[in-house]
Amino acid sequence: MDCIFCKIIKGEIPSNKVYEDDTVLAFHDIAPQMPVHVIVIPKQHIECAADIKEDNSAVVAHIFEVIAKIGKDLGLANGYRIINNCGEDGGQTVKHLHFHLLGGEKLGEKLVK
């Protein structure tokens, strides 16, 4: 498998980690779109949101618990945005389920800045 996020999880590619446990890894995006831009991924390879099933959905619930913790730890008390792209038409460029945690400044109502 040639998945960049799997390589980051294995430590083959370095990352600036924000959070890690047995299930989830979170790290700063290398090309941030906001003052705070963290990528949160499951360590289990799930290609995209369309592949979330009964046997792996607990991982996604845990990811959202982690996102809440990271938001608090990074001082995003006034809010943040979570984005997930699914599939080619959804703009997904890395075929590993991931969530963008964006914050650090006031966002508008549009989905993108």
C-alpha atoms as a PDB file:
ATOM      1  CA  MET A   1       0.000   0.000   0.000  1.00  0.00           C
ATOM      2  CA  ASP A   2       1.363   3.395  -0.942  1.00  0.00           C
ATOM      3  CA  CYS A   3      -0.724   5.528   1.428  1.00  0.00           C
ATOM      4  CA  ILE A   4       1.073   8.626   2.718  1.00  0.00           C
ATOM      5  CA  PHE A   5      -0.980   8.676   5.930  1.00  0.00           C
ATOM      6  CA  CYS A   6      -0.186   5.011   6.623  1.00  0.00           C
ATOM      7  CA  LYS A   7       3.498   5.892   6.198  1.00  0.00           C
ATOM      8  CA  ILE A   8       3.105   8.769   8.675  1.00  0.00           C
ATOM      9  CA  ILE A   9       1.407   6.398  11.148  1.00  0.00           C
ATOM     10  CA  LYS A  10       4.320   3.925  10.789  1.00  0.00           C
ATOM     11  CA  GLY A  11       6.849   6.733  11.335  1.00  0.00           C
ATOM     12  CA  GLU A  12       8.290   6.377   7.829  1.00  0.00           C
ATOM     13  CA  ILE A  13       7.405  10.010   7.146  1.00  0.00           C
ATOM     14  CA  PRO A  14       7.850  12.548   9.969  1.00  0.00           C
ATOM     15  CA  SER A  15       4.972  14.655  11.214  1.00  0.00           C
ATOM     16  CA  ASN A  16       4.445  17.395  13.771  1.00  0.00           C
ATOM     17  CA  LYS A  17       2.172  15.404  16.098  1.00  0.00           C
ATOM     18  CA  VAL A  18      -0.566  17.066  18.108  1.00  0.00           C
ATOM     19  CA  TYR A  19      -2.135  13.910  19.539  1.00  0.00           C
ATOM     20  CA  GLU A  20      -1.666  10.148  19.371  1.00  0.00           C
ATOM     21  CA  ASP A  21      -3.237   7.104  20.973  1.00  0.00           C
ATOM     22  CA  ASP A  22      -3.739   3.488  19.898  1.00  0.00           C
ATOM     23  CA  THR A  23      -6.524   4.434  17.465  1.00  0.00           C
ATOM     24  CA  VAL A  24      -5.929   7.989  16.245  1.00  0.00           C
ATOM     25  CA  LEU A  25      -3.104  10.235  15.093  1.00  0.00           C
ATOM     26  CA  ALA A  26      -3.377  14.009  14.709  1.00  0.00           C
ATOM     27  CA  PHE A  27      -0.709  16.263  13.246  1.00  0.00           C
ATOM     28  CA  HIS A  28      -0.255  19.755  11.866  1.00  0.00           C
ATOM     29  CA  ASP A  29      -0.931  20.067   8.134  1.00  0.00           C
ATOM     30  CA  ILE A  30       2.247  20.808   6.146  1.00  0.00           C
ATOM     31  CA  ALA A  31       0.356  23.397   4.048  1.00  0.00           C
ATOM     32  CA  PRO A  32      -1.986  25.042   6.567  1.00  0.00           C
ATOM     33  CA  GLN A  33      -5.038  26.889   5.292  1.00  0.00           C
ATOM     34  CA  MET A  34      -5.727  28.564   8.649  1.00  0.00           C
ATOM     35  CA  PRO A  35      -3.673  29.549  11.719  1.00  0.00           C
ATOM     36  CA  VAL A  36      -4.673  26.148  13.155  1.00  0.00           C
ATOM     37  CA  HIS A  37      -4.890  23.303  10.619  1.00  0.00           C
ATOM     38  CA  VAL A  38      -4.647  19.822  12.075  1.00  0.00           C
ATOM     39  CA  ILE A  39      -5.219  16.537  10.232  1.00  0.00           C
ATOM     40  CA  VAL A  40      -6.896  13.827  12.331  1.00  0.00           C
ATOM     41  CA  ILE A  41      -6.744  10.256  11.030  1.00  0.00           C
ATOM     42  CA  PRO A  42      -7.597   6.764  12.202  1.00  0.00           C
ATOM     43  CA  LYS A  43      -4.627   4.433  12.433  1.00  0.00           C
ATOM     44  CA  GLN A  44      -6.790   1.789  10.803  1.00  0.00           C
ATOM     45  CA  HIS A  45      -6.801   2.311   7.046  1.00  0.00           C
ATOM     46  CA  ILE A  46     -10.321   3.309   6.053  1.00  0.00           C
ATOM     47  CA  GLU A  47     -10.358   4.790   2.567  1.00  0.00           C
ATOM     48  CA  CYS A  48     -13.156   7.349   2.969  1.00  0.00           C
ATOM     49  CA  ALA A  49     -16.409   8.140   4.750  1.00  0.00           C
ATOM     50  CA  ALA A  50     -18.261   5.891   2.308  1.00  0.00           C
ATOM     51  CA  ASP A  51     -16.370   2.965   3.857  1.00  0.00           C
ATOM     52  CA  ILE A  52     -17.557   3.564   7.415  1.00  0.00           C
ATOM     53  CA  LYS A  53     -19.455   0.471   8.536  1.00  0.00           C
ATOM     54  CA  GLU A  54     -20.770  -0.991  11.765  1.00  0.00           C
ATOM     55  CA  ASP A  55     -17.434  -2.713  12.466  1.00  0.00           C
ATOM     56  CA  ASN A  56     -15.355   0.499  12.208  1.00  0.00           C
ATOM     57  CA  SER A  57     -17.751   3.300  13.152  1.00  0.00           C
ATOM     58  CA  ALA A  58     -16.517   3.411  16.757  1.00  0.00           C
ATOM     59  CA  VAL A  59     -13.213   4.694  15.382  1.00  0.00           C
ATOM     60  CA  VAL A  60     -15.004   7.705  13.902  1.00  0.00           C
ATOM     61  CA  ALA A  61     -16.804   8.408  17.181  1.00  0.00           C
ATOM     62  CA  HIS A  62     -13.432   8.358  18.930  1.00  0.00           C
ATOM     63  CA  ILE A  63     -11.983  10.725  16.321  1.00  0.00           C
ATOM     64  CA  PHE A  64     -14.648  13.290  17.182  1.00  0.00           C
ATOM     65  CA  GLU A  65     -13.866  12.918  20.896  1.00  0.00           C
ATOM     66  CA  VAL A  66     -10.208  13.555  20.045  1.00  0.00           C
ATOM     67  CA  ILE A  67     -11.115  16.569  17.902  1.00  0.00           C
ATOM     68  CA  ALA A  68     -12.987  18.099  20.839  1.00  0.00           C
ATOM     69  CA  LYS A  69      -9.921  17.578  23.067  1.00  0.00           C
ATOM     70  CA  ILE A  70      -7.543  19.034  20.471  1.00  0.00           C
ATOM     71  CA  GLY A  71      -9.809  22.050  19.942  1.00  0.00           C
ATOM     72  CA  LYS A  72      -9.761  22.748  23.662  1.00  0.00           C
ATOM     73  CA  ASP A  73      -6.001  22.120  23.982  1.00  0.00           C
ATOM     74  CA  LEU A  74      -5.249  24.481  21.082  1.00  0.00           C
ATOM     75  CA  GLY A  75      -7.393  27.275  22.513  1.00  0.00           C
ATOM     76  CA  LEU A  76     -10.190  27.137  19.964  1.00  0.00           C
ATOM     77  CA  ALA A  77     -12.866  27.996  22.539  1.00  0.00           C
ATOM     78  CA  ASN A  78     -14.713  30.261  20.098  1.00  0.00           C
ATOM     79  CA  GLY A  79     -15.100  27.431  17.592  1.00  0.00           C
ATOM     80  CA  TYR A  80     -13.558  25.650  14.658  1.00  0.00           C
ATOM     81  CA  ARG A  81     -14.503  23.852  11.466  1.00  0.00           C
ATOM     82  CA  ILE A  82     -14.165  20.136  10.706  1.00  0.00           C
ATOM     83  CA  ILE A  83     -13.962  19.130   7.051  1.00  0.00           C
ATOM     84  CA  ASN A  84     -13.945  15.664   5.492  1.00  0.00           C
ATOM     85  CA  ASN A  85     -13.651  15.102   1.754  1.00  0.00           C
ATOM     86  CA  CYS A  86     -14.943  11.791   0.411  1.00  0.00           C
ATOM     87  CA  GLY A  87     -14.061  10.437  -2.993  1.00  0.00           C
ATOM     88  CA  GLU A  88     -12.782  12.082  -6.137  1.00  0.00           C
ATOM     89  CA  ASP A  89     -15.806  14.341  -6.659  1.00  0.00           C
ATOM     90  CA  GLY A  90     -15.621  15.345  -2.995  1.00  0.00           C
ATOM     91  CA  GLY A  91     -12.053  16.580  -3.429  1.00  0.00           C
ATOM     92  CA  GLN A  92     -10.359  13.765  -1.507  1.00  0.00           C
ATOM     93  CA  THR A  93      -6.689  13.653  -2.513  1.00  0.00           C
ATOM     94  CA  VAL A  94      -5.371  11.167   0.076  1.00  0.00           C
ATOM     95  CA  LYS A  95      -7.326   7.913   0.044  1.00  0.00           C
ATOM     96  CA  HIS A  96      -7.273   7.498   3.831  1.00  0.00           C
ATOM     97  CA  LEU A  97     -10.146   8.801   5.946  1.00  0.00           C
ATOM     98  CA  HIS A  98      -9.110  12.101   7.487  1.00  0.00           C
ATOM     99  CA  PHE A  99     -10.600  15.193   9.026  1.00  0.00           C
ATOM    100  CA  HIS A 100      -9.275  18.732   8.764  1.00  0.00           C
ATOM    101  CA  LEU A 101      -9.607  20.713  11.997  1.00  0.00           C
ATOM    102  CA  LEU A 102      -9.461  24.388  11.038  1.00  0.00           C
ATOM    103  CA  GLY A 103      -9.509  27.379  13.353  1.00  0.00           C
ATOM    104  CA  GLY A 104      -7.654  30.221  14.919  1.00  0.00           C
ATOM    105  CA  GLU A 105      -9.642  32.960  13.215  1.00  0.00           C
ATOM    106  CA  LYS A 106     -13.302  33.703  12.533  1.00  0.00           C
ATOM    107  CA  LEU A 107     -14.684  31.695   9.632  1.00  0.00           C
ATOM    108  CA  GLY A 108     -17.555  32.775   7.430  1.00  0.00           C
ATOM    109  CA  GLU A 109     -20.632  30.774   6.616  1.00  0.00           C
ATOM    110  CA  LYS A 110     -19.157  29.419   3.384  1.00  0.00           C
ATOM    111  CA  LEU A 111     -17.508  26.031   3.643  1.00  0.00           C
ATOM    112  CA  VAL A 112     -14.225  27.385   2.402  1.00  0.00           C
ATOM    113  CA  LYS A 113     -12.499  30.600   3.322  1.00  0.00           C
END
